[in-house]
Amino acid sequence: MYEDRVSYEDREKGAAVGLGREPPGEDLGRIISLSDGVFAFALTLLVIGLTVPSVTGSSDAQTSHLLWTALRGDWQKFLGYAFAFVMITLWWMNHHRTFRYIRRYDFVLMWLNMLVLLEIAVMPFVLQVYTAYSPTQTAVVLFAFMQAVTGATLNVLWRYAANGHRLIDPKLPADEIRYFSNRGILPAAAFAASIAVSFVNVPLAEYCWVVPLILGRFAHRYGVG
């Protein structure tokens, strides 16, 4: 009987399991390990966008001068790399914080998590486009769009898991759930707003990207209540 394949513990927790679908599980180890691996790989791939300048001088002194000039001319690439590294790190911290409260997983959660990993995995490519064409609106919009989508997907994942304490700690207070739900949408909203700003002023849109970092320090003002 199909009913025999659903554990007593799952029935006690009210797990809604349809015919042909796996019951929710509690071993999050493989999901977290895969996620950490993708984040680590994306962080490593970012450096591919940085290339060593090829310069040749008539003397060591001239070569040194030409090298310094070339490196100084690539400051936008270094800045873009640092910013992308910080952003992926922040997404990893957000992901880590989210799964600290998740106790169980189901089919939907796994696919939402895979969608997050898809967005993280493509981030190095987005960075290369941005560093190569950073003065253009298209490159700025693409970078902002990916950050906004990643933030929104993580927020959807959290809201799905937290709705009715579906997959999270049943003892987690409602105020705490609302806090993380509201805080999680701030980065996505800020990057989405920067896309609109880019149609007026592209450099100003890039400055908007620091807004999530600032708002994160004051998220308690928006998270509860």
N, C-alpha and C. Protein backbone atom coordinates (compact mmCIF):
# COMPACT_ATOMS: atom_id res chain seq x y z
N MET A 1 0.84 -1.20 0.00
CA MET A 1 0.00 0.00 0.00
C MET A 1 0.88 1.25 0.00
N TYR A 2 0.41 2.28 -0.72
CA TYR A 2 1.15 3.54 -0.75
C TYR A 2 1.27 4.15 0.62
N GLU A 3 0.24 3.98 1.43
CA GLU A 3 0.23 4.56 2.76
C GLU A 3 1.38 4.04 3.59
N ASP A 4 1.82 2.82 3.34
CA ASP A 4 2.90 2.24 4.10
C ASP A 4 4.23 2.92 3.82
N ARG A 5 4.34 3.59 2.65
CA ARG A 5 5.59 4.24 2.31
C ARG A 5 5.73 5.59 3.00
N VAL A 6 4.68 6.11 3.57
CA VAL A 6 4.72 7.37 4.29
C VAL A 6 4.92 7.06 5.76
N SER A 7 5.98 7.59 6.33
CA SER A 7 6.33 7.26 7.71
C SER A 7 5.28 7.77 8.68
N TYR A 8 5.24 7.13 9.84
CA TYR A 8 4.33 7.56 10.90
C TYR A 8 4.62 9.00 11.29
N GLU A 9 5.91 9.38 11.30
CA GLU A 9 6.27 10.73 11.68
C GLU A 9 5.72 11.76 10.71
N ASP A 10 5.77 11.43 9.41
CA ASP A 10 5.22 12.34 8.41
C ASP A 10 3.73 12.52 8.59
N ARG A 11 3.01 11.42 8.92
CA ARG A 11 1.57 11.54 9.10
C ARG A 11 1.26 12.37 10.33
N GLU A 12 2.08 12.22 11.37
CA GLU A 12 1.86 12.99 12.60
C GLU A 12 2.07 14.48 12.38
N LYS A 13 2.99 14.83 11.45
CA LYS A 13 3.27 16.23 11.17
C LYS A 13 2.32 16.81 10.15
N GLY A 14 1.41 16.02 9.70
CA GLY A 14 0.43 16.51 8.75
C GLY A 14 0.98 16.71 7.36
N ALA A 15 1.99 15.96 6.99
CA ALA A 15 2.58 16.12 5.68
C ALA A 15 1.56 15.76 4.60
N ALA A 16 1.37 16.71 3.69
CA ALA A 16 0.43 16.47 2.60
C ALA A 16 1.19 15.81 1.46
N VAL A 17 0.99 14.55 1.29
CA VAL A 17 1.73 13.80 0.28
C VAL A 17 0.73 13.20 -0.71
N GLY A 18 0.90 13.55 -1.97
CA GLY A 18 0.02 13.04 -2.98
C GLY A 18 0.55 11.75 -3.56
N LEU A 19 -0.30 11.01 -4.26
CA LEU A 19 0.07 9.76 -4.88
C LEU A 19 1.21 9.99 -5.87
N GLY A 20 2.27 9.19 -5.73
CA GLY A 20 3.40 9.30 -6.65
C GLY A 20 4.41 10.37 -6.27
N ARG A 21 4.20 11.06 -5.16
CA ARG A 21 5.13 12.10 -4.73
C ARG A 21 5.82 11.67 -3.44
N GLU A 22 7.08 12.06 -3.32
CA GLU A 22 7.83 11.71 -2.13
C GLU A 22 7.36 12.54 -0.94
N PRO A 23 7.34 11.95 0.24
CA PRO A 23 6.98 12.71 1.44
C PRO A 23 8.11 13.68 1.78
N PRO A 24 7.80 14.77 2.48
CA PRO A 24 8.85 15.70 2.90
C PRO A 24 9.91 14.98 3.71
N GLY A 25 11.15 15.41 3.56
CA GLY A 25 12.25 14.82 4.30
C GLY A 25 12.89 15.81 5.25
N GLU A 26 13.77 15.31 6.09
CA GLU A 26 14.39 16.17 7.10
C GLU A 26 15.91 16.23 6.96
N ASP A 27 16.51 15.42 6.12
CA ASP A 27 17.96 15.43 5.95
C ASP A 27 18.32 16.48 4.89
N LEU A 28 18.69 17.67 5.37
CA LEU A 28 19.01 18.77 4.47
C LEU A 28 20.48 18.78 4.05
N GLY A 29 21.24 17.79 4.50
CA GLY A 29 22.68 17.78 4.27
C GLY A 29 23.06 17.88 2.81
N ARG A 30 22.42 17.08 1.95
CA ARG A 30 22.79 17.08 0.54
C ARG A 30 22.41 18.39 -0.13
N ILE A 31 21.27 18.96 0.25
CA ILE A 31 20.84 20.23 -0.33
C ILE A 31 21.82 21.34 0.03
N ILE A 32 22.21 21.39 1.29
CA ILE A 32 23.12 22.43 1.76
C ILE A 32 24.51 22.24 1.17
N SER A 33 24.98 20.99 1.08
CA SER A 33 26.30 20.73 0.52
C SER A 33 26.36 21.14 -0.95
N LEU A 34 25.33 20.78 -1.71
CA LEU A 34 25.28 21.17 -3.13
C LEU A 34 25.26 22.69 -3.25
N SER A 35 24.47 23.33 -2.42
CA SER A 35 24.35 24.80 -2.48
C SER A 35 25.68 25.47 -2.17
N ASP A 36 26.34 25.03 -1.11
CA ASP A 36 27.63 25.61 -0.75
C ASP A 36 28.66 25.41 -1.86
N GLY A 37 28.60 24.25 -2.52
CA GLY A 37 29.53 23.98 -3.62
C GLY A 37 29.32 24.92 -4.79
N VAL A 38 28.07 25.19 -5.13
CA VAL A 38 27.77 26.10 -6.24
C VAL A 38 28.21 27.52 -5.90
N PHE A 39 27.93 27.96 -4.68
CA PHE A 39 28.36 29.29 -4.27
C PHE A 39 29.88 29.41 -4.32
N ALA A 40 30.58 28.40 -3.81
CA ALA A 40 32.05 28.43 -3.80
C ALA A 40 32.60 28.45 -5.23
N PHE A 41 31.99 27.66 -6.11
CA PHE A 41 32.45 27.59 -7.50
C PHE A 41 32.22 28.92 -8.20
N ALA A 42 31.07 29.55 -7.94
CA ALA A 42 30.78 30.84 -8.56
C ALA A 42 31.77 31.91 -8.09
N LEU A 43 32.10 31.89 -6.80
CA LEU A 43 33.07 32.84 -6.28
C LEU A 43 34.44 32.65 -6.93
N THR A 44 34.79 31.39 -7.17
CA THR A 44 36.08 31.10 -7.80
C THR A 44 36.10 31.54 -9.26
N LEU A 45 35.00 31.31 -9.97
CA LEU A 45 34.94 31.66 -11.39
C LEU A 45 34.98 33.17 -11.64
N LEU A 46 34.63 33.95 -10.63
CA LEU A 46 34.63 35.40 -10.81
C LEU A 46 35.99 35.91 -11.26
N VAL A 47 37.04 35.28 -10.76
CA VAL A 47 38.38 35.77 -11.06
C VAL A 47 38.77 35.58 -12.51
N ILE A 48 38.03 34.75 -13.24
CA ILE A 48 38.33 34.55 -14.66
C ILE A 48 38.17 35.85 -15.43
N GLY A 49 37.30 36.71 -14.94
CA GLY A 49 37.09 38.00 -15.61
C GLY A 49 38.28 38.92 -15.50
N LEU A 50 39.23 38.60 -14.62
CA LEU A 50 40.44 39.42 -14.48
C LEU A 50 41.56 38.80 -15.31
N THR A 51 42.17 39.60 -16.16
CA THR A 51 43.24 39.10 -17.02
C THR A 51 44.54 39.85 -16.71
N VAL A 52 45.66 39.16 -16.85
CA VAL A 52 46.97 39.77 -16.61
C VAL A 52 47.35 40.61 -17.84
N PRO A 53 47.65 41.89 -17.65
CA PRO A 53 48.04 42.73 -18.80
C PRO A 53 49.31 42.22 -19.46
N SER A 54 49.36 42.36 -20.76
CA SER A 54 50.54 41.95 -21.52
C SER A 54 51.28 43.22 -21.97
N VAL A 55 52.41 43.51 -21.34
CA VAL A 55 53.17 44.71 -21.66
C VAL A 55 54.64 44.34 -21.83
N THR A 56 55.32 45.07 -22.68
CA THR A 56 56.74 44.84 -22.90
C THR A 56 57.44 46.18 -23.07
N GLY A 57 58.45 46.41 -22.25
CA GLY A 57 59.21 47.65 -22.34
C GLY A 57 60.65 47.37 -22.73
N SER A 58 61.34 48.43 -23.04
CA SER A 58 62.74 48.28 -23.43
C SER A 58 63.65 48.02 -22.24
N SER A 59 63.08 48.26 -21.02
CA SER A 59 63.84 48.01 -19.80
C SER A 59 62.87 47.58 -18.71
N ASP A 60 63.42 47.07 -17.62
CA ASP A 60 62.57 46.66 -16.51
C ASP A 60 61.78 47.84 -15.95
N ALA A 61 62.42 48.98 -15.89
CA ALA A 61 61.76 50.18 -15.37
C ALA A 61 60.59 50.58 -16.25
N GLN A 62 60.79 50.54 -17.56
CA GLN A 62 59.70 50.90 -18.47
C GLN A 62 58.58 49.87 -18.43
N THR A 63 58.97 48.58 -18.35
CA THR A 63 57.95 47.54 -18.23
C THR A 63 57.13 47.71 -16.97
N SER A 64 57.80 48.05 -15.87
CA SER A 64 57.10 48.28 -14.61
C SER A 64 56.12 49.43 -14.74
N HIS A 65 56.55 50.49 -15.41
CA HIS A 65 55.67 51.66 -15.59
C HIS A 65 54.46 51.30 -16.46
N LEU A 66 54.72 50.57 -17.55
CA LEU A 66 53.62 50.17 -18.44
C LEU A 66 52.65 49.24 -17.72
N LEU A 67 53.20 48.33 -16.89
CA LEU A 67 52.35 47.40 -16.15
C LEU A 67 51.46 48.15 -15.17
N TRP A 68 52.06 49.11 -14.45
CA TRP A 68 51.28 49.90 -13.50
C TRP A 68 50.18 50.68 -14.21
N THR A 69 50.51 51.23 -15.36
CA THR A 69 49.52 51.99 -16.14
C THR A 69 48.37 51.08 -16.58
N ALA A 70 48.73 49.87 -17.03
CA ALA A 70 47.70 48.93 -17.48
C ALA A 70 46.81 48.48 -16.32
N LEU A 71 47.42 48.19 -15.18
CA LEU A 71 46.64 47.77 -14.01
C LEU A 71 45.74 48.90 -13.53
N ARG A 72 46.25 50.11 -13.54
CA ARG A 72 45.44 51.26 -13.13
C ARG A 72 44.27 51.47 -14.07
N GLY A 73 44.48 51.17 -15.35
CA GLY A 73 43.40 51.31 -16.31
C GLY A 73 42.31 50.27 -16.15
N ASP A 74 42.63 49.18 -15.43
CA ASP A 74 41.65 48.10 -15.21
C ASP A 74 40.93 48.24 -13.87
N TRP A 75 40.96 49.42 -13.28
CA TRP A 75 40.37 49.57 -11.95
C TRP A 75 38.89 49.22 -11.92
N GLN A 76 38.19 49.47 -13.04
CA GLN A 76 36.77 49.13 -13.08
C GLN A 76 36.55 47.63 -13.00
N LYS A 77 37.44 46.86 -13.61
CA LYS A 77 37.33 45.41 -13.54
C LYS A 77 37.54 44.92 -12.10
N PHE A 78 38.54 45.50 -11.43
CA PHE A 78 38.80 45.10 -10.04
C PHE A 78 37.64 45.48 -9.14
N LEU A 79 37.09 46.66 -9.37
CA LEU A 79 35.95 47.11 -8.57
C LEU A 79 34.73 46.22 -8.82
N GLY A 80 34.50 45.88 -10.10
CA GLY A 80 33.38 45.01 -10.43
C GLY A 80 33.54 43.63 -9.82
N TYR A 81 34.77 43.11 -9.85
CA TYR A 81 35.04 41.82 -9.24
C TYR A 81 34.76 41.85 -7.74
N ALA A 82 35.25 42.90 -7.07
CA ALA A 82 35.05 43.01 -5.62
C ALA A 82 33.57 43.12 -5.28
N PHE A 83 32.84 43.91 -6.08
CA PHE A 83 31.41 44.09 -5.79
C PHE A 83 30.65 42.79 -6.03
N ALA A 84 30.95 42.09 -7.13
CA ALA A 84 30.28 40.83 -7.41
C ALA A 84 30.60 39.79 -6.35
N PHE A 85 31.86 39.79 -5.87
CA PHE A 85 32.25 38.86 -4.80
C PHE A 85 31.44 39.14 -3.55
N VAL A 86 31.30 40.41 -3.23
CA VAL A 86 30.52 40.79 -2.05
C VAL A 86 29.06 40.38 -2.21
N MET A 87 28.51 40.61 -3.40
CA MET A 87 27.10 40.29 -3.62
C MET A 87 26.85 38.79 -3.50
N ILE A 88 27.70 37.96 -4.11
CA ILE A 88 27.52 36.51 -4.01
C ILE A 88 27.69 36.07 -2.56
N THR A 89 28.62 36.69 -1.85
CA THR A 89 28.81 36.39 -0.43
C THR A 89 27.56 36.73 0.36
N LEU A 90 26.96 37.86 0.06
CA LEU A 90 25.74 38.26 0.76
C LEU A 90 24.59 37.30 0.45
N TRP A 91 24.51 36.86 -0.81
CA TRP A 91 23.46 35.89 -1.16
C TRP A 91 23.69 34.56 -0.43
N TRP A 92 24.97 34.18 -0.31
CA TRP A 92 25.28 32.96 0.43
C TRP A 92 24.89 33.11 1.90
N MET A 93 25.18 34.26 2.49
CA MET A 93 24.82 34.49 3.89
C MET A 93 23.31 34.47 4.06
N ASN A 94 22.60 35.05 3.09
CA ASN A 94 21.14 35.03 3.12
C ASN A 94 20.63 33.59 3.02
N HIS A 95 21.22 32.83 2.11
CA HIS A 95 20.85 31.43 1.93
C HIS A 95 21.15 30.63 3.20
N HIS A 96 22.31 30.86 3.77
CA HIS A 96 22.71 30.17 5.00
C HIS A 96 21.75 30.49 6.14
N ARG A 97 21.41 31.77 6.27
CA ARG A 97 20.50 32.18 7.34
C ARG A 97 19.12 31.56 7.14
N THR A 98 18.68 31.50 5.89
CA THR A 98 17.37 30.92 5.60
C THR A 98 17.30 29.46 6.03
N PHE A 99 18.34 28.70 5.67
CA PHE A 99 18.32 27.27 5.97
C PHE A 99 18.63 26.96 7.43
N ARG A 100 19.02 27.96 8.20
CA ARG A 100 19.16 27.75 9.64
C ARG A 100 17.80 27.50 10.28
N TYR A 101 16.76 28.04 9.67
CA TYR A 101 15.41 27.91 10.24
C TYR A 101 14.59 26.83 9.57
N ILE A 102 15.03 26.37 8.41
CA ILE A 102 14.29 25.33 7.69
C ILE A 102 14.65 23.97 8.29
N ARG A 103 13.63 23.21 8.62
CA ARG A 103 13.83 21.90 9.26
C ARG A 103 13.52 20.74 8.32
N ARG A 104 12.73 21.00 7.31
CA ARG A 104 12.30 19.95 6.41
C ARG A 104 12.36 20.46 4.97
N TYR A 105 12.27 19.57 4.03
CA TYR A 105 12.25 19.97 2.62
C TYR A 105 11.20 19.16 1.89
N ASP A 106 10.75 19.70 0.78
CA ASP A 106 9.84 18.96 -0.08
C ASP A 106 10.22 19.24 -1.54
N PHE A 107 9.42 18.73 -2.46
CA PHE A 107 9.73 18.83 -3.88
C PHE A 107 9.83 20.28 -4.32
N VAL A 108 8.90 21.11 -3.88
CA VAL A 108 8.88 22.53 -4.29
C VAL A 108 10.11 23.26 -3.77
N LEU A 109 10.45 23.04 -2.52
CA LEU A 109 11.61 23.70 -1.93
C LEU A 109 12.89 23.33 -2.69
N MET A 110 13.03 22.07 -3.06
CA MET A 110 14.22 21.65 -3.79
C MET A 110 14.34 22.39 -5.12
N TRP A 111 13.23 22.54 -5.83
CA TRP A 111 13.30 23.22 -7.12
C TRP A 111 13.51 24.72 -6.97
N LEU A 112 12.94 25.31 -5.93
CA LEU A 112 13.20 26.72 -5.67
C LEU A 112 14.68 26.94 -5.35
N ASN A 113 15.25 26.02 -4.59
CA ASN A 113 16.67 26.13 -4.26
C ASN A 113 17.53 25.95 -5.51
N MET A 114 17.15 25.03 -6.39
CA MET A 114 17.90 24.84 -7.63
C MET A 114 17.81 26.09 -8.51
N LEU A 115 16.69 26.78 -8.46
CA LEU A 115 16.56 28.02 -9.23
C LEU A 115 17.52 29.08 -8.69
N VAL A 116 17.64 29.15 -7.37
CA VAL A 116 18.61 30.07 -6.76
C VAL A 116 20.02 29.73 -7.22
N LEU A 117 20.35 28.45 -7.22
CA LEU A 117 21.69 28.03 -7.62
C LEU A 117 21.95 28.31 -9.10
N LEU A 118 20.92 28.20 -9.93
CA LEU A 118 21.06 28.55 -11.34
C LEU A 118 21.44 30.02 -11.49
N GLU A 119 20.79 30.87 -10.72
CA GLU A 119 21.06 32.30 -10.79
C GLU A 119 22.45 32.64 -10.26
N ILE A 120 22.88 31.93 -9.23
CA ILE A 120 24.22 32.15 -8.70
C ILE A 120 25.28 31.67 -9.68
N ALA A 121 25.04 30.53 -10.31
CA ALA A 121 26.01 29.95 -11.24
C ALA A 121 26.26 30.84 -12.46
N VAL A 122 25.24 31.58 -12.88
CA VAL A 122 25.39 32.44 -14.06
C VAL A 122 26.00 33.80 -13.70
N MET A 123 26.17 34.07 -12.42
CA MET A 123 26.67 35.37 -11.99
C MET A 123 28.05 35.72 -12.55
N PRO A 124 29.01 34.78 -12.63
CA PRO A 124 30.31 35.13 -13.22
C PRO A 124 30.19 35.64 -14.66
N PHE A 125 29.31 35.04 -15.45
CA PHE A 125 29.11 35.51 -16.83
C PHE A 125 28.55 36.92 -16.82
N VAL A 126 27.59 37.17 -15.94
CA VAL A 126 26.99 38.50 -15.84
C VAL A 126 28.05 39.53 -15.46
N LEU A 127 28.95 39.15 -14.57
CA LEU A 127 30.03 40.05 -14.17
C LEU A 127 30.93 40.37 -15.36
N GLN A 128 31.27 39.37 -16.17
CA GLN A 128 32.13 39.61 -17.33
C GLN A 128 31.48 40.58 -18.30
N VAL A 129 30.18 40.44 -18.51
CA VAL A 129 29.47 41.38 -19.38
C VAL A 129 29.51 42.78 -18.78
N TYR A 130 29.29 42.85 -17.47
CA TYR A 130 29.26 44.16 -16.81
C TYR A 130 30.62 44.85 -16.86
N THR A 131 31.70 44.13 -16.57
CA THR A 131 33.02 44.75 -16.56
C THR A 131 33.47 45.15 -17.96
N ALA A 132 33.02 44.40 -18.96
CA ALA A 132 33.42 44.70 -20.34
C ALA A 132 32.62 45.85 -20.93
N TYR A 133 31.38 46.02 -20.47
CA TYR A 133 30.50 47.05 -21.05
C TYR A 133 29.83 47.89 -19.97
N SER A 134 30.54 48.13 -18.87
CA SER A 134 29.94 48.82 -17.72
C SER A 134 29.37 50.21 -18.03
N PRO A 135 29.90 50.97 -19.01
CA PRO A 135 29.27 52.28 -19.26
C PRO A 135 27.88 52.18 -19.90
N THR A 136 27.53 50.99 -20.41
CA THR A 136 26.27 50.87 -21.16
C THR A 136 25.12 50.51 -20.24
N GLN A 137 23.95 50.95 -20.63
CA GLN A 137 22.75 50.66 -19.84
C GLN A 137 22.44 49.17 -19.86
N THR A 138 22.67 48.51 -20.99
CA THR A 138 22.36 47.09 -21.09
C THR A 138 23.13 46.27 -20.06
N ALA A 139 24.43 46.55 -19.91
CA ALA A 139 25.25 45.80 -18.95
C ALA A 139 24.80 46.08 -17.52
N VAL A 140 24.47 47.32 -17.24
CA VAL A 140 24.03 47.70 -15.89
C VAL A 140 22.69 47.05 -15.57
N VAL A 141 21.77 47.08 -16.53
CA VAL A 141 20.45 46.49 -16.32
C VAL A 141 20.56 44.98 -16.13
N LEU A 142 21.43 44.32 -16.92
CA LEU A 142 21.59 42.87 -16.80
C LEU A 142 22.10 42.51 -15.41
N PHE A 143 23.10 43.23 -14.92
CA PHE A 143 23.65 42.95 -13.60
C PHE A 143 22.59 43.17 -12.52
N ALA A 144 21.90 44.30 -12.60
CA ALA A 144 20.87 44.61 -11.60
C ALA A 144 19.72 43.60 -11.65
N PHE A 145 19.36 43.21 -12.87
CA PHE A 145 18.26 42.25 -13.03
C PHE A 145 18.58 40.93 -12.37
N MET A 146 19.82 40.44 -12.56
CA MET A 146 20.20 39.16 -11.96
C MET A 146 20.18 39.24 -10.44
N GLN A 147 20.64 40.36 -9.88
CA GLN A 147 20.62 40.51 -8.43
C GLN A 147 19.18 40.57 -7.92
N ALA A 148 18.33 41.30 -8.64
CA ALA A 148 16.93 41.42 -8.22
C ALA A 148 16.22 40.07 -8.27
N VAL A 149 16.46 39.31 -9.34
CA VAL A 149 15.83 38.00 -9.48
C VAL A 149 16.33 37.04 -8.40
N THR A 150 17.63 37.08 -8.13
CA THR A 150 18.18 36.20 -7.09
C THR A 150 17.57 36.52 -5.73
N GLY A 151 17.51 37.81 -5.41
CA GLY A 151 16.91 38.21 -4.14
C GLY A 151 15.45 37.83 -4.04
N ALA A 152 14.72 38.00 -5.14
CA ALA A 152 13.30 37.66 -5.14
C ALA A 152 13.10 36.15 -4.99
N THR A 153 13.92 35.36 -5.66
CA THR A 153 13.79 33.90 -5.57
C THR A 153 14.08 33.41 -4.16
N LEU A 154 15.12 33.95 -3.54
CA LEU A 154 15.42 33.57 -2.16
C LEU A 154 14.28 33.95 -1.22
N ASN A 155 13.66 35.09 -1.49
CA ASN A 155 12.55 35.53 -0.65
C ASN A 155 11.33 34.63 -0.84
N VAL A 156 11.08 34.23 -2.09
CA VAL A 156 9.97 33.31 -2.37
C VAL A 156 10.22 31.97 -1.68
N LEU A 157 11.48 31.50 -1.74
CA LEU A 157 11.82 30.25 -1.07
C LEU A 157 11.52 30.32 0.42
N TRP A 158 11.93 31.43 1.05
CA TRP A 158 11.68 31.59 2.47
C TRP A 158 10.19 31.66 2.78
N ARG A 159 9.45 32.44 2.01
CA ARG A 159 8.02 32.60 2.26
C ARG A 159 7.28 31.28 2.07
N TYR A 160 7.72 30.50 1.07
CA TYR A 160 7.09 29.19 0.87
C TYR A 160 7.33 28.29 2.06
N ALA A 161 8.59 28.24 2.52
CA ALA A 161 8.93 27.36 3.64
C ALA A 161 8.28 27.82 4.94
N ALA A 162 8.12 29.15 5.10
CA ALA A 162 7.62 29.70 6.36
C ALA A 162 6.09 29.77 6.42
N ASN A 163 5.43 29.73 5.28
CA ASN A 163 3.97 29.85 5.26
C ASN A 163 3.32 28.74 6.08
N GLY A 164 2.65 29.14 7.14
CA GLY A 164 2.03 28.16 8.01
C GLY A 164 3.03 27.24 8.69
N HIS A 165 4.27 27.72 8.84
CA HIS A 165 5.36 26.90 9.40
C HIS A 165 5.49 25.58 8.63
N ARG A 166 5.31 25.67 7.31
CA ARG A 166 5.29 24.47 6.48
C ARG A 166 6.56 23.62 6.64
N LEU A 167 7.73 24.30 6.54
CA LEU A 167 8.98 23.55 6.56
C LEU A 167 9.99 24.09 7.56
N ILE A 168 9.57 25.04 8.37
CA ILE A 168 10.49 25.65 9.33
C ILE A 168 10.21 25.19 10.74
N ASP A 169 11.03 25.64 11.64
CA ASP A 169 10.86 25.33 13.06
C ASP A 169 9.48 25.78 13.51
N PRO A 170 8.63 24.87 13.99
CA PRO A 170 7.27 25.24 14.39
C PRO A 170 7.23 26.23 15.56
N LYS A 171 8.35 26.38 16.26
CA LYS A 171 8.38 27.30 17.40
C LYS A 171 8.84 28.70 17.02
N LEU A 172 9.18 28.91 15.76
CA LEU A 172 9.66 30.23 15.34
C LEU A 172 8.51 31.24 15.42
N PRO A 173 8.69 32.34 16.15
CA PRO A 173 7.60 33.32 16.33
C PRO A 173 7.20 33.96 15.01
N ALA A 174 5.95 34.37 14.94
CA ALA A 174 5.43 35.00 13.73
C ALA A 174 6.16 36.31 13.42
N ASP A 175 6.54 37.06 14.46
CA ASP A 175 7.26 38.31 14.25
C ASP A 175 8.61 38.06 13.59
N GLU A 176 9.25 36.98 13.98
CA GLU A 176 10.55 36.64 13.39
C GLU A 176 10.39 36.25 11.93
N ILE A 177 9.33 35.52 11.62
CA ILE A 177 9.06 35.13 10.23
C ILE A 177 8.81 36.37 9.38
N ARG A 178 8.00 37.28 9.90
CA ARG A 178 7.68 38.51 9.16
C ARG A 178 8.93 39.37 8.97
N TYR A 179 9.78 39.38 9.97
CA TYR A 179 11.04 40.16 9.89
C TYR A 179 11.88 39.70 8.72
N PHE A 180 12.13 38.39 8.62
CA PHE A 180 12.96 37.88 7.54
C PHE A 180 12.26 37.97 6.18
N SER A 181 10.94 37.88 6.18
CA SER A 181 10.20 38.02 4.92
C SER A 181 10.35 39.42 4.36
N ASN A 182 10.19 40.43 5.23
CA ASN A 182 10.30 41.82 4.79
C ASN A 182 11.73 42.23 4.51
N ARG A 183 12.65 41.76 5.34
CA ARG A 183 14.06 42.10 5.13
C ARG A 183 14.57 41.51 3.83
N GLY A 184 14.14 40.31 3.51
CA GLY A 184 14.64 39.64 2.33
C GLY A 184 14.25 40.29 1.02
N ILE A 185 13.16 41.06 1.03
CA ILE A 185 12.70 41.67 -0.22
C ILE A 185 13.40 42.99 -0.50
N LEU A 186 14.10 43.55 0.49
CA LEU A 186 14.75 44.85 0.31
C LEU A 186 15.81 44.85 -0.79
N PRO A 187 16.74 43.88 -0.83
CA PRO A 187 17.74 43.90 -1.91
C PRO A 187 17.11 43.80 -3.29
N ALA A 188 16.15 42.91 -3.45
CA ALA A 188 15.50 42.76 -4.75
C ALA A 188 14.82 44.05 -5.17
N ALA A 189 14.16 44.70 -4.23
CA ALA A 189 13.46 45.95 -4.54
C ALA A 189 14.45 47.05 -4.93
N ALA A 190 15.58 47.11 -4.23
CA ALA A 190 16.58 48.15 -4.52
C ALA A 190 17.17 47.96 -5.91
N PHE A 191 17.51 46.73 -6.27
CA PHE A 191 18.08 46.48 -7.59
C PHE A 191 17.04 46.69 -8.69
N ALA A 192 15.81 46.32 -8.41
CA ALA A 192 14.75 46.56 -9.40
C ALA A 192 14.55 48.06 -9.61
N ALA A 193 14.63 48.83 -8.53
CA ALA A 193 14.50 50.28 -8.65
C ALA A 193 15.65 50.88 -9.46
N SER A 194 16.85 50.29 -9.31
CA SER A 194 18.00 50.81 -10.05
C SER A 194 17.83 50.63 -11.56
N ILE A 195 17.09 49.60 -11.96
CA ILE A 195 16.82 49.40 -13.38
C ILE A 195 16.01 50.58 -13.93
N ALA A 196 15.00 51.00 -13.16
CA ALA A 196 14.21 52.16 -13.57
C ALA A 196 15.06 53.42 -13.62
N VAL A 197 15.96 53.57 -12.63
CA VAL A 197 16.83 54.75 -12.58
C VAL A 197 17.77 54.78 -13.78
N SER A 198 18.18 53.61 -14.27
CA SER A 198 19.12 53.55 -15.39
C SER A 198 18.58 54.21 -16.65
N PHE A 199 17.27 54.31 -16.77
CA PHE A 199 16.69 54.96 -17.94
C PHE A 199 16.82 56.48 -17.86
N VAL A 200 17.17 56.96 -16.68
CA VAL A 200 17.39 58.39 -16.49
C VAL A 200 18.88 58.70 -16.43
N ASN A 201 19.60 57.89 -15.62
CA ASN A 201 21.03 58.13 -15.43
C ASN A 201 21.69 56.80 -15.08
N VAL A 202 22.55 56.31 -15.97
CA VAL A 202 23.17 55.01 -15.76
C VAL A 202 24.12 55.00 -14.56
N PRO A 203 25.04 55.96 -14.42
CA PRO A 203 25.93 55.95 -13.24
C PRO A 203 25.16 56.03 -11.92
N LEU A 204 24.08 56.80 -11.90
CA LEU A 204 23.28 56.90 -10.68
C LEU A 204 22.66 55.56 -10.33
N ALA A 205 22.26 54.81 -11.35
CA ALA A 205 21.69 53.48 -11.11
C ALA A 205 22.71 52.57 -10.42
N GLU A 206 23.98 52.70 -10.79
CA GLU A 206 25.02 51.88 -10.16
C GLU A 206 25.20 52.26 -8.70
N TYR A 207 25.09 53.54 -8.40
CA TYR A 207 25.20 53.98 -7.00
C TYR A 207 24.05 53.43 -6.17
N CYS A 208 22.92 53.18 -6.80
CA CYS A 208 21.76 52.63 -6.08
C CYS A 208 22.05 51.25 -5.52
N TRP A 209 23.05 50.57 -6.05
CA TRP A 209 23.33 49.20 -5.63
C TRP A 209 23.87 49.12 -4.21
N VAL A 210 24.35 50.22 -3.68
CA VAL A 210 24.83 50.19 -2.29
C VAL A 210 23.67 50.33 -1.31
N VAL A 211 22.48 50.66 -1.82
CA VAL A 211 21.32 50.84 -0.95
C VAL A 211 21.01 49.59 -0.13
N PRO A 212 21.03 48.37 -0.75
CA PRO A 212 20.74 47.17 0.05
C PRO A 212 21.71 46.99 1.21
N LEU A 213 22.98 47.38 1.00
CA LEU A 213 23.96 47.24 2.07
C LEU A 213 23.64 48.17 3.23
N ILE A 214 23.15 49.38 2.88
CA ILE A 214 22.80 50.35 3.92
C ILE A 214 21.52 49.92 4.62
N LEU A 215 20.53 49.52 3.82
CA LEU A 215 19.24 49.13 4.41
C LEU A 215 19.38 47.90 5.29
N GLY A 216 20.33 47.02 4.95
CA GLY A 216 20.51 45.82 5.73
C GLY A 216 20.86 46.10 7.18
N ARG A 217 21.53 47.23 7.41
CA ARG A 217 21.93 47.58 8.76
C ARG A 217 20.78 48.18 9.56
N PHE A 218 19.74 48.58 8.85
CA PHE A 218 18.60 49.18 9.53
C PHE A 218 17.33 48.40 9.25
N ALA A 219 17.49 47.11 8.91
CA ALA A 219 16.35 46.31 8.48
C ALA A 219 15.34 46.13 9.61
N HIS A 220 15.76 46.28 10.86
CA HIS A 220 14.82 46.08 11.98
C HIS A 220 13.71 47.10 11.93
N ARG A 221 13.95 48.22 11.26
CA ARG A 221 12.91 49.24 11.17
C ARG A 221 11.78 48.83 10.24
N TYR A 222 12.10 47.90 9.33
CA TYR A 222 11.10 47.46 8.33
C TYR A 222 10.65 46.02 8.54
N GLY A 223 11.42 45.28 9.28
CA GLY A 223 11.14 43.85 9.36
C GLY A 223 10.02 43.47 10.26
N VAL A 224 9.79 44.19 11.34
CA VAL A 224 8.79 43.82 12.31
C VAL A 224 7.72 44.88 12.38
N GLY A 225 6.50 44.43 12.47
CA GLY A 225 5.40 45.38 12.63
C GLY A 225 4.59 45.50 11.37
